PDB file of all heavy atoms in Angstrom:
ATOM      1  N   LEU A   1       0.830  -1.207   0.000  1.00  0.00           N
ATOM      2  CA  LEU A   1       0.000   0.000   0.000  1.00  0.00           C
ATOM      3  C   LEU A   1       0.860   1.251   0.000  1.00  0.00           C
ATOM      4  O   LEU A   1       0.582   2.231  -0.706  1.00  0.00           O
ATOM      5  CB  LEU A   1      -0.917  -0.004   1.228  1.00  0.00           C
ATOM      6  CG  LEU A   1      -2.005  -1.088   1.234  1.00  0.00           C
ATOM      7  CD1 LEU A   1      -2.745  -1.075   2.570  1.00  0.00           C
ATOM      8  CD2 LEU A   1      -2.966  -0.860   0.089  1.00  0.00           C
ATOM      9  N   VAL A   2       1.912   1.244   0.759  1.00  0.00           N
ATOM     10  CA  VAL A   2       2.815   2.406   0.826  1.00  0.00           C
ATOM     11  C   VAL A   2       3.457   2.625  -0.537  1.00  0.00           C
ATOM     12  O   VAL A   2       3.538   3.752  -1.037  1.00  0.00           O
ATOM     13  CB  VAL A   2       3.891   2.192   1.911  1.00  0.00           C
ATOM     14  CG1 VAL A   2       4.936   3.295   1.846  1.00  0.00           C
ATOM     15  CG2 VAL A   2       3.241   2.148   3.288  1.00  0.00           C
ATOM     16  N   ALA A   3       3.919   1.536  -1.144  1.00  0.00           N
ATOM     17  CA  ALA A   3       4.566   1.663  -2.461  1.00  0.00           C
ATOM     18  C   ALA A   3       3.593   2.229  -3.490  1.00  0.00           C
ATOM     19  O   ALA A   3       3.942   3.076  -4.318  1.00  0.00           O
ATOM     20  CB  ALA A   3       5.085   0.296  -2.921  1.00  0.00           C
ATOM     21  N   GLY A   4       2.353   1.792  -3.449  1.00  0.00           N
ATOM     22  CA  GLY A   4       1.353   2.311  -4.396  1.00  0.00           C
ATOM     23  C   GLY A   4       1.110   3.784  -4.200  1.00  0.00           C
ATOM     24  O   GLY A   4       0.934   4.535  -5.169  1.00  0.00           O
ATOM     25  N   PHE A   5       1.078   4.245  -2.950  1.00  0.00           N
ATOM     26  CA  PHE A   5       0.842   5.666  -2.677  1.00  0.00           C
ATOM     27  C   PHE A   5       1.987   6.515  -3.201  1.00  0.00           C
ATOM     28  O   PHE A   5       1.780   7.609  -3.755  1.00  0.00           O
ATOM     29  CB  PHE A   5       0.670   5.858  -1.161  1.00  0.00           C
ATOM     30  CG  PHE A   5       0.375   7.284  -0.775  1.00  0.00           C
ATOM     31  CD1 PHE A   5      -0.853   7.848  -1.067  1.00  0.00           C
ATOM     32  CD2 PHE A   5       1.335   8.061  -0.138  1.00  0.00           C
ATOM     33  CE1 PHE A   5      -1.131   9.152  -0.725  1.00  0.00           C
ATOM     34  CE2 PHE A   5       1.053   9.358   0.202  1.00  0.00           C
ATOM     35  CZ  PHE A   5      -0.183   9.927  -0.080  1.00  0.00           C
ATOM     36  N   VAL A   6       3.217   6.024  -3.079  1.00  0.00           N
ATOM     37  CA  VAL A   6       4.387   6.753  -3.590  1.00  0.00           C
ATOM     38  C   VAL A   6       4.294   6.889  -5.109  1.00  0.00           C
ATOM     39  O   VAL A   6       4.551   7.955  -5.677  1.00  0.00           O
ATOM     40  CB  VAL A   6       5.690   6.021  -3.181  1.00  0.00           C
ATOM     41  CG1 VAL A   6       6.883   6.645  -3.897  1.00  0.00           C
ATOM     42  CG2 VAL A   6       5.883   6.087  -1.667  1.00  0.00           C
ATOM     43  N   VAL A   7       3.914   5.805  -5.795  1.00  0.00           N
ATOM     44  CA  VAL A   7       3.769   5.865  -7.253  1.00  0.00           C
ATOM     45  C   VAL A   7       2.726   6.905  -7.646  1.00  0.00           C
ATOM     46  O   VAL A   7       2.889   7.676  -8.591  1.00  0.00           O
ATOM     47  CB  VAL A   7       3.388   4.480  -7.804  1.00  0.00           C
ATOM     48  CG1 VAL A   7       2.984   4.588  -9.277  1.00  0.00           C
ATOM     49  CG2 VAL A   7       4.539   3.501  -7.643  1.00  0.00           C
ATOM     50  N   PHE A   8       1.615   6.954  -6.892  1.00  0.00           N
ATOM     51  CA  PHE A   8       0.551   7.935  -7.177  1.00  0.00           C
ATOM     52  C   PHE A   8       1.080   9.355  -7.072  1.00  0.00           C
ATOM     53  O   PHE A   8       0.789  10.218  -7.922  1.00  0.00           O
ATOM     54  CB  PHE A   8      -0.604   7.716  -6.188  1.00  0.00           C
ATOM     55  CG  PHE A   8      -1.625   8.824  -6.206  1.00  0.00           C
ATOM     56  CD1 PHE A   8      -2.550   8.898  -7.237  1.00  0.00           C
ATOM     57  CD2 PHE A   8      -1.637   9.811  -5.227  1.00  0.00           C
ATOM     58  CE1 PHE A   8      -3.479   9.916  -7.290  1.00  0.00           C
ATOM     59  CE2 PHE A   8      -2.573  10.826  -5.281  1.00  0.00           C
ATOM     60  CZ  PHE A   8      -3.498  10.889  -6.292  1.00  0.00           C
ATOM     61  N   LEU A   9       1.878   9.659  -6.055  1.00  0.00           N
ATOM     62  CA  LEU A   9       2.419  11.005  -5.890  1.00  0.00           C
ATOM     63  C   LEU A   9       3.348  11.374  -7.041  1.00  0.00           C
ATOM     64  O   LEU A   9       3.341  12.510  -7.530  1.00  0.00           O
ATOM     65  CB  LEU A   9       3.169  11.102  -4.559  1.00  0.00           C
ATOM     66  CG  LEU A   9       2.306  11.057  -3.277  1.00  0.00           C
ATOM     67  CD1 LEU A   9       3.186  11.114  -2.039  1.00  0.00           C
ATOM     68  CD2 LEU A   9       1.314  12.224  -3.276  1.00  0.00           C
ATOM     69  N   VAL A  10       4.143  10.401  -7.488  1.00  0.00           N
ATOM     70  CA  VAL A  10       5.074  10.671  -8.589  1.00  0.00           C
ATOM     71  C   VAL A  10       4.301  11.011  -9.869  1.00  0.00           C
ATOM     72  O   VAL A  10       4.599  11.959 -10.581  1.00  0.00           O
ATOM     73  CB  VAL A  10       6.006   9.463  -8.820  1.00  0.00           C
ATOM     74  CG1 VAL A  10       6.805   9.656 -10.108  1.00  0.00           C
ATOM     75  CG2 VAL A  10       6.942   9.287  -7.627  1.00  0.00           C
ATOM     76  N   VAL A  11       3.268  10.225 -10.170  1.00  0.00           N
ATOM     77  CA  VAL A  11       2.463  10.457 -11.379  1.00  0.00           C
ATOM     78  C   VAL A  11       1.761  11.800 -11.301  1.00  0.00           C
ATOM     79  O   VAL A  11       1.725  12.576 -12.258  1.00  0.00           O
ATOM     80  CB  VAL A  11       1.437   9.326 -11.571  1.00  0.00           C
ATOM     81  CG1 VAL A  11       0.463   9.679 -12.696  1.00  0.00           C
ATOM     82  CG2 VAL A  11       2.144   8.012 -11.866  1.00  0.00           C
ATOM     83  N   ALA A  12       1.186  12.110 -10.138  1.00  0.00           N
ATOM     84  CA  ALA A  12       0.492  13.395  -9.981  1.00  0.00           C
ATOM     85  C   ALA A  12       1.451  14.552 -10.156  1.00  0.00           C
ATOM     86  O   ALA A  12       1.128  15.565 -10.787  1.00  0.00           O
ATOM     87  CB  ALA A  12      -0.166  13.460  -8.595  1.00  0.00           C
ATOM     88  N   GLY A  13       2.651  14.415  -9.617  1.00  0.00           N
ATOM     89  CA  GLY A  13       3.641  15.478  -9.792  1.00  0.00           C
ATOM     90  C   GLY A  13       4.009  15.676 -11.248  1.00  0.00           C
ATOM     91  O   GLY A  13       4.205  16.799 -11.712  1.00  0.00           O
ATOM     92  N   GLY A  14       4.104  14.565 -11.990  1.00  0.00           N
ATOM     93  CA  GLY A  14       4.416  14.671 -13.421  1.00  0.00           C
ATOM     94  C   GLY A  14       3.334  15.408 -14.183  1.00  0.00           C
ATOM     95  O   GLY A  14       3.607  16.212 -15.070  1.00  0.00           O
ATOM     96  N   LEU A  15       2.102  15.153 -13.854  1.00  0.00           N
ATOM     97  CA  LEU A  15       0.987  15.840 -14.509  1.00  0.00           C
ATOM     98  C   LEU A  15       1.017  17.330 -14.233  1.00  0.00           C
ATOM     99  O   LEU A  15       0.744  18.154 -15.111  1.00  0.00           O
ATOM    100  CB  LEU A  15      -0.344  15.250 -14.050  1.00  0.00           C
ATOM    101  CG  LEU A  15      -0.669  13.839 -14.554  1.00  0.00           C
ATOM    102  CD1 LEU A  15      -1.932  13.318 -13.887  1.00  0.00           C
ATOM    103  CD2 LEU A  15      -0.821  13.836 -16.065  1.00  0.00           C
ATOM    104  N   VAL A  16       1.340  17.702 -13.024  1.00  0.00           N
ATOM    105  CA  VAL A  16       1.440  19.123 -12.686  1.00  0.00           C
ATOM    106  C   VAL A  16       2.530  19.779 -13.515  1.00  0.00           C
ATOM    107  O   VAL A  16       2.374  20.885 -14.039  1.00  0.00           O
ATOM    108  CB  VAL A  16       1.704  19.308 -11.182  1.00  0.00           C
ATOM    109  CG1 VAL A  16       2.037  20.758 -10.862  1.00  0.00           C
ATOM    110  CG2 VAL A  16       0.499  18.852 -10.381  1.00  0.00           C
ATOM    111  N   ALA A  17       3.662  19.089 -13.656  1.00  0.00           N
ATOM    112  CA  ALA A  17       4.764  19.644 -14.448  1.00  0.00           C
ATOM    113  C   ALA A  17       4.359  19.847 -15.903  1.00  0.00           C
ATOM    114  O   ALA A  17       4.671  20.863 -16.523  1.00  0.00           O
ATOM    115  CB  ALA A  17       5.980  18.707 -14.358  1.00  0.00           C
ATOM    116  N   LEU A  18       3.654  18.867 -16.445  1.00  0.00           N
ATOM    117  CA  LEU A  18       3.180  19.011 -17.824  1.00  0.00           C
ATOM    118  C   LEU A  18       2.222  20.181 -17.953  1.00  0.00           C
ATOM    119  O   LEU A  18       2.251  20.936 -18.925  1.00  0.00           O
ATOM    120  CB  LEU A  18       2.485  17.729 -18.279  1.00  0.00           C
ATOM    121  CG  LEU A  18       3.391  16.540 -18.580  1.00  0.00           C
ATOM    122  CD1 LEU A  18       2.556  15.278 -18.808  1.00  0.00           C
ATOM    123  CD2 LEU A  18       4.248  16.822 -19.803  1.00  0.00           C
ATOM    124  N   ALA A  19       1.347  20.325 -16.977  1.00  0.00           N
ATOM    125  CA  ALA A  19       0.380  21.428 -17.016  1.00  0.00           C
ATOM    126  C   ALA A  19       1.077  22.766 -16.993  1.00  0.00           C
ATOM    127  O   ALA A  19       0.710  23.693 -17.710  1.00  0.00           O
ATOM    128  CB  ALA A  19      -0.583  21.310 -15.826  1.00  0.00           C
ATOM    129  N   VAL A  20       2.106  22.899 -16.178  1.00  0.00           N
ATOM    130  CA  VAL A  20       2.846  24.162 -16.104  1.00  0.00           C
ATOM    131  C   VAL A  20       3.565  24.428 -17.415  1.00  0.00           C
ATOM    132  O   VAL A  20       3.549  25.531 -17.955  1.00  0.00           O
ATOM    133  CB  VAL A  20       3.847  24.131 -14.923  1.00  0.00           C
ATOM    134  CG1 VAL A  20       4.765  25.337 -14.977  1.00  0.00           C
ATOM    135  CG2 VAL A  20       3.093  24.070 -13.607  1.00  0.00           C
ATOM    136  N   ARG A  21       4.191  23.388 -17.980  1.00  0.00           N
ATOM    137  CA  ARG A  21       4.979  23.565 -19.207  1.00  0.00           C
ATOM    138  C   ARG A  21       4.116  23.961 -20.390  1.00  0.00           C
ATOM    139  O   ARG A  21       4.473  24.803 -21.196  1.00  0.00           O
ATOM    140  CB  ARG A  21       5.718  22.268 -19.513  1.00  0.00           C
ATOM    141  CG  ARG A  21       6.567  22.375 -20.784  1.00  0.00           C
ATOM    142  CD  ARG A  21       7.400  21.152 -20.990  1.00  0.00           C
ATOM    143  NE  ARG A  21       8.211  21.298 -22.189  1.00  0.00           N
ATOM    144  CZ  ARG A  21       9.071  20.371 -22.609  1.00  0.00           C
ATOM    145  NH1 ARG A  21       9.242  19.256 -21.908  1.00  0.00           N
ATOM    146  NH2 ARG A  21       9.757  20.565 -23.713  1.00  0.00           N
ATOM    147  N   TYR A  22       2.922  23.347 -20.537  1.00  0.00           N
ATOM    148  CA  TYR A  22       2.085  23.568 -21.720  1.00  0.00           C
ATOM    149  C   TYR A  22       0.919  24.509 -21.470  1.00  0.00           C
ATOM    150  O   TYR A  22       0.036  24.649 -22.298  1.00  0.00           O
ATOM    151  CB  TYR A  22       1.553  22.229 -22.252  1.00  0.00           C
ATOM    152  CG  TYR A  22       2.653  21.365 -22.802  1.00  0.00           C
ATOM    153  CD1 TYR A  22       3.140  20.278 -22.100  1.00  0.00           C
ATOM    154  CD2 TYR A  22       3.222  21.681 -24.036  1.00  0.00           C
ATOM    155  CE1 TYR A  22       4.162  19.503 -22.616  1.00  0.00           C
ATOM    156  CE2 TYR A  22       4.242  20.902 -24.554  1.00  0.00           C
ATOM    157  CZ  TYR A  22       4.721  19.809 -23.851  1.00  0.00           C
ATOM    158  OH  TYR A  22       5.726  19.041 -24.356  1.00  0.00           O
ATOM    159  N   GLY A  23       0.940  25.185 -20.308  1.00  0.00           N
ATOM    160  CA  GLY A  23      -0.040  26.231 -20.077  1.00  0.00           C
ATOM    161  C   GLY A  23      -1.412  25.726 -19.709  1.00  0.00           C
ATOM    162  O   GLY A  23      -2.394  26.443 -19.860  1.00  0.00           O
ATOM    163  N   LEU A  24      -1.551  24.458 -19.250  1.00  0.00           N
ATOM    164  CA  LEU A  24      -2.862  23.952 -18.882  1.00  0.00           C
ATOM    165  C   LEU A  24      -3.163  24.355 -17.443  1.00  0.00           C
ATOM    166  O   LEU A  24      -2.333  24.211 -16.556  1.00  0.00           O
ATOM    167  CB  LEU A  24      -2.906  22.419 -18.999  1.00  0.00           C
ATOM    168  CG  LEU A  24      -2.574  21.862 -20.387  1.00  0.00           C
ATOM    169  CD1 LEU A  24      -2.541  20.339 -20.338  1.00  0.00           C
ATOM    170  CD2 LEU A  24      -3.601  22.344 -21.379  1.00  0.00           C
ATOM    171  N   PRO A  25      -4.386  24.887 -17.197  1.00  0.00           N
ATOM    172  CA  PRO A  25      -4.719  25.297 -15.833  1.00  0.00           C
ATOM    173  C   PRO A  25      -4.794  24.082 -14.913  1.00  0.00           C
ATOM    174  O   PRO A  25      -5.125  22.980 -15.344  1.00  0.00           O
ATOM    175  CB  PRO A  25      -6.077  25.972 -15.997  1.00  0.00           C
ATOM    176  CG  PRO A  25      -6.637  25.429 -17.273  1.00  0.00           C
ATOM    177  CD  PRO A  25      -5.479  25.130 -18.144  1.00  0.00           C
ATOM    178  N   SER A  26      -4.498  24.309 -13.669  1.00  0.00           N
ATOM    179  CA  SER A  26      -4.504  23.217 -12.688  1.00  0.00           C
ATOM    180  C   SER A  26      -5.544  23.495 -11.613  1.00  0.00           C
ATOM    181  O   SER A  26      -5.767  24.630 -11.220  1.00  0.00           O
ATOM    182  CB  SER A  26      -3.132  23.077 -12.017  1.00  0.00           C
ATOM    183  OG  SER A  26      -2.155  22.837 -13.009  1.00  0.00           O
ATOM    184  N   THR A  27      -6.205  22.453 -11.154  1.00  0.00           N
ATOM    185  CA  THR A  27      -7.192  22.582 -10.077  1.00  0.00           C
ATOM    186  C   THR A  27      -6.962  21.469  -9.069  1.00  0.00           C
ATOM    187  O   THR A  27      -6.517  20.373  -9.417  1.00  0.00           O
ATOM    188  CB  THR A  27      -8.616  22.482 -10.621  1.00  0.00           C
ATOM    189  OG1 THR A  27      -8.760  21.250 -11.336  1.00  0.00           O
ATOM    190  CG2 THR A  27      -8.902  23.624 -11.597  1.00  0.00           C
ATOM    191  N   SER A  28      -7.286  21.739  -7.842  1.00  0.00           N
ATOM    192  CA  SER A  28      -7.163  20.717  -6.798  1.00  0.00           C
ATOM    193  C   SER A  28      -8.411  19.860  -6.786  1.00  0.00           C
ATOM    194  O   SER A  28      -9.520  20.359  -6.951  1.00  0.00           O
ATOM    195  CB  SER A  28      -6.995  21.387  -5.427  1.00  0.00           C
ATOM    196  OG  SER A  28      -5.809  22.144  -5.428  1.00  0.00           O
ATOM    197  N   ASN A  29      -8.219  18.536  -6.548  1.00  0.00           N
ATOM    198  CA  ASN A  29      -9.395  17.675  -6.474  1.00  0.00           C
ATOM    199  C   ASN A  29      -9.890  17.603  -5.038  1.00  0.00           C
ATOM    200  O   ASN A  29      -9.311  18.187  -4.124  1.00  0.00           O
ATOM    201  CB  ASN A  29      -9.081  16.287  -7.040  1.00  0.00           C
ATOM    202  CG  ASN A  29      -8.005  15.570  -6.258  1.00  0.00           C
ATOM    203  OD1 ASN A  29      -7.823  15.828  -5.074  1.00  0.00           O
ATOM    204  ND2 ASN A  29      -7.286  14.671  -6.937  1.00  0.00           N
ATOM    205  N   ASP A  30     -11.020  16.919  -4.891  1.00  0.00           N
ATOM    206  CA  ASP A  30     -11.657  16.891  -3.567  1.00  0.00           C
ATOM    207  C   ASP A  30     -10.811  16.190  -2.522  1.00  0.00           C
ATOM    208  O   ASP A  30     -11.057  16.330  -1.325  1.00  0.00           O
ATOM    209  CB  ASP A  30     -13.014  16.168  -3.672  1.00  0.00           C
ATOM    210  CG  ASP A  30     -13.989  16.983  -4.480  1.00  0.00           C
ATOM    211  OD1 ASP A  30     -13.760  18.205  -4.609  1.00  0.00           O
ATOM    212  OD2 ASP A  30     -14.967  16.405  -5.004  1.00  0.00           O
ATOM    213  N   HIS A  31      -9.794  15.433  -2.946  1.00  0.00           N
ATOM    214  CA  HIS A  31      -8.986  14.671  -1.988  1.00  0.00           C
ATOM    215  C   HIS A  31      -7.633  15.300  -1.761  1.00  0.00           C
ATOM    216  O   HIS A  31      -6.738  14.666  -1.221  1.00  0.00           O
ATOM    217  CB  HIS A  31      -8.811  13.238  -2.492  1.00  0.00           C
ATOM    218  CG  HIS A  31     -10.118  12.547  -2.702  1.00  0.00           C
ATOM    219  ND1 HIS A  31     -10.923  12.111  -1.662  1.00  0.00           N
ATOM    220  CD2 HIS A  31     -10.787  12.232  -3.854  1.00  0.00           C
ATOM    221  CE1 HIS A  31     -12.018  11.549  -2.142  1.00  0.00           C
ATOM    222  NE2 HIS A  31     -11.954  11.622  -3.486  1.00  0.00           N
ATOM    223  N   GLY A  32      -7.476  16.541  -2.231  1.00  0.00           N
ATOM    224  CA  GLY A  32      -6.211  17.216  -2.000  1.00  0.00           C
ATOM    225  C   GLY A  32      -5.209  16.996  -3.089  1.00  0.00           C
ATOM    226  O   GLY A  32      -4.125  17.565  -3.051  1.00  0.00           O
ATOM    227  N   GLY A  33      -5.541  16.136  -4.100  1.00  0.00           N
ATOM    228  CA  GLY A  33      -4.634  15.918  -5.213  1.00  0.00           C
ATOM    229  C   GLY A  33      -4.733  17.063  -6.219  1.00  0.00           C
ATOM    230  O   GLY A  33      -5.592  17.918  -6.152  1.00  0.00           O
ATOM    231  N   VAL A  34      -3.869  17.089  -7.252  1.00  0.00           N
ATOM    232  CA  VAL A  34      -3.841  18.116  -8.295  1.00  0.00           C
ATOM    233  C   VAL A  34      -4.106  17.440  -9.629  1.00  0.00           C
ATOM    234  O   VAL A  34      -3.433  16.469  -9.958  1.00  0.00           O
ATOM    235  CB  VAL A  34      -2.484  18.841  -8.318  1.00  0.00           C
ATOM    236  CG1 VAL A  34      -2.488  19.909  -9.399  1.00  0.00           C
ATOM    237  CG2 VAL A  34      -2.200  19.462  -6.959  1.00  0.00           C
ATOM    238  N   THR A  35      -5.101  17.955 -10.411  1.00  0.00           N
ATOM    239  CA  THR A  35      -5.469  17.360 -11.692  1.00  0.00           C
ATOM    240  C   THR A  35      -5.298  18.382 -12.803  1.00  0.00           C
ATOM    241  O   THR A  35      -5.758  19.518 -12.681  1.00  0.00           O
ATOM    242  CB  THR A  35      -6.940  16.892 -11.667  1.00  0.00           C
ATOM    243  OG1 THR A  35      -7.108  16.005 -10.567  1.00  0.00           O
ATOM    244  CG2 THR A  35      -7.309  16.199 -12.977  1.00  0.00           C
ATOM    245  N   ALA A  36      -4.635  17.998 -13.924  1.00  0.00           N
ATOM    246  CA  ALA A  36      -4.470  18.887 -15.083  1.00  0.00           C
ATOM    247  C   ALA A  36      -5.679  18.722 -16.001  1.00  0.00           C
ATOM    248  O   ALA A  36      -6.165  17.617 -16.192  1.00  0.00           O
ATOM    249  CB  ALA A  36      -3.202  18.537 -15.845  1.00  0.00           C
ATOM    250  N   THR A  37      -6.142  19.844 -16.612  1.00  0.00           N
ATOM    251  CA  THR A  37      -7.277  19.803 -17.548  1.00  0.00           C
ATOM    252  C   THR A  37      -7.056  20.812 -18.660  1.00  0.00           C
ATOM    253  O   THR A  37      -6.495  21.877 -18.440  1.00  0.00           O
ATOM    254  CB  THR A  37      -8.603  20.090 -16.810  1.00  0.00           C
ATOM    255  OG1 THR A  37      -9.630  20.143 -17.789  1.00  0.00           O
ATOM    256  CG2 THR A  37      -8.576  21.433 -16.093  1.00  0.00           C
ATOM    257  N   ALA A  38      -7.519  20.457 -19.877  1.00  0.00           N
ATOM    258  CA  ALA A  38      -7.390  21.359 -21.028  1.00  0.00           C
ATOM    259  C   ALA A  38      -8.754  21.823 -21.518  1.00  0.00           C
ATOM    260  O   ALA A  38      -8.885  22.313 -22.614  1.00  0.00           O
ATOM    261  CB  ALA A  38      -6.657  20.663 -22.163  1.00  0.00           C
ATOM    262  N   SER A  39      -9.785  21.644 -20.721  1.00  0.00           N
ATOM    263  CA  SER A  39     -11.135  21.997 -21.172  1.00  0.00           C
ATOM    264  C   SER A  39     -11.296  23.497 -21.272  1.00  0.00           C
ATOM    265  O   SER A  39     -11.117  24.216 -20.293  1.00  0.00           O
ATOM    266  CB  SER A  39     -12.174  21.427 -20.196  1.00  0.00           C
ATOM    267  OG  SER A  39     -13.449  21.892 -20.540  1.00  0.00           O
ATOM    268  N   PRO A  40     -11.675  24.025 -22.483  1.00  0.00           N
ATOM    269  CA  PRO A  40     -11.865  25.454 -22.652  1.00  0.00           C
ATOM    270  C   PRO A  40     -13.285  25.886 -22.312  1.00  0.00           C
ATOM    271  O   PRO A  40     -13.607  27.055 -22.377  1.00  0.00           O
ATOM    272  CB  PRO A  40     -11.587  25.664 -24.138  1.00  0.00           C
ATOM    273  CG  PRO A  40     -12.034  24.402 -24.776  1.00  0.00           C
ATOM    274  CD  PRO A  40     -11.775  23.327 -23.782  1.00  0.00           C
ATOM    275  N   SER A  41     -14.167  24.930 -22.027  1.00  0.00           N
ATOM    276  CA  SER A  41     -15.568  25.283 -21.849  1.00  0.00           C
ATOM    277  C   SER A  41     -15.839  25.943 -20.504  1.00  0.00           C
ATOM    278  O   SER A  41     -16.757  26.727 -20.365  1.00  0.00           O
ATOM    279  CB  SER A  41     -16.431  24.027 -21.997  1.00  0.00           C
ATOM    280  OG  SER A  41     -16.064  23.073 -21.037  1.00  0.00           O
ATOM    281  N   SER A  42     -15.052  25.660 -19.522  1.00  0.00           N
ATOM    282  CA  SER A  42     -15.281  26.243 -18.199  1.00  0.00           C
ATOM    283  C   SER A  42     -14.862  27.705 -18.197  1.00  0.00           C
ATOM    284  O   SER A  42     -13.795  28.070 -18.646  1.00  0.00           O
ATOM    285  CB  SER A  42     -14.480  25.461 -17.150  1.00  0.00           C
ATOM    286  OG  SER A  42     -14.568  26.124 -15.913  1.00  0.00           O
ATOM    287  N   GLU A  43     -15.740  28.596 -17.718  1.00  0.00           N
ATOM    288  CA  GLU A  43     -15.485  30.031 -17.722  1.00  0.00           C
ATOM    289  C   GLU A  43     -14.228  30.377 -16.946  1.00  0.00           C
ATOM    290  O   GLU A  43     -13.492  31.289 -17.297  1.00  0.00           O
ATOM    291  CB  GLU A  43     -16.709  30.750 -17.125  1.00  0.00           C
ATOM    292  CG  GLU A  43     -16.726  32.238 -17.345  1.00  0.00           C
ATOM    293  CD  GLU A  43     -16.889  32.596 -18.802  1.00  0.00           C
ATOM    294  OE1 GLU A  43     -17.601  31.891 -19.523  1.00  0.00           O
ATOM    295  OE2 GLU A  43     -16.287  33.596 -19.232  1.00  0.00           O
ATOM    296  N   SER A  44     -13.932  29.600 -15.888  1.00  0.00           N
ATOM    297  CA  SER A  44     -12.794  29.937 -15.027  1.00  0.00           C
ATOM    298  C   SER A  44     -11.461  29.527 -15.620  1.00  0.00           C
ATOM    299  O   SER A  44     -10.424  29.925 -15.119  1.00  0.00           O
ATOM    300  CB  SER A  44     -12.973  29.254 -13.664  1.00  0.00           C
ATOM    301  OG  SER A  44     -13.006  27.850 -13.849  1.00  0.00           O
TER     302      SER A  44
END
């Protein structure tokens, strides 16, 4: 379980880096994680 949680943090960090590099806005999820999205439909 510990090993799986570490892998999750690494993947989430990679997504954040991609979002910063390519200009994709980032939002926090309900569990405290960070999710990258490219949806232009949201006003925010």
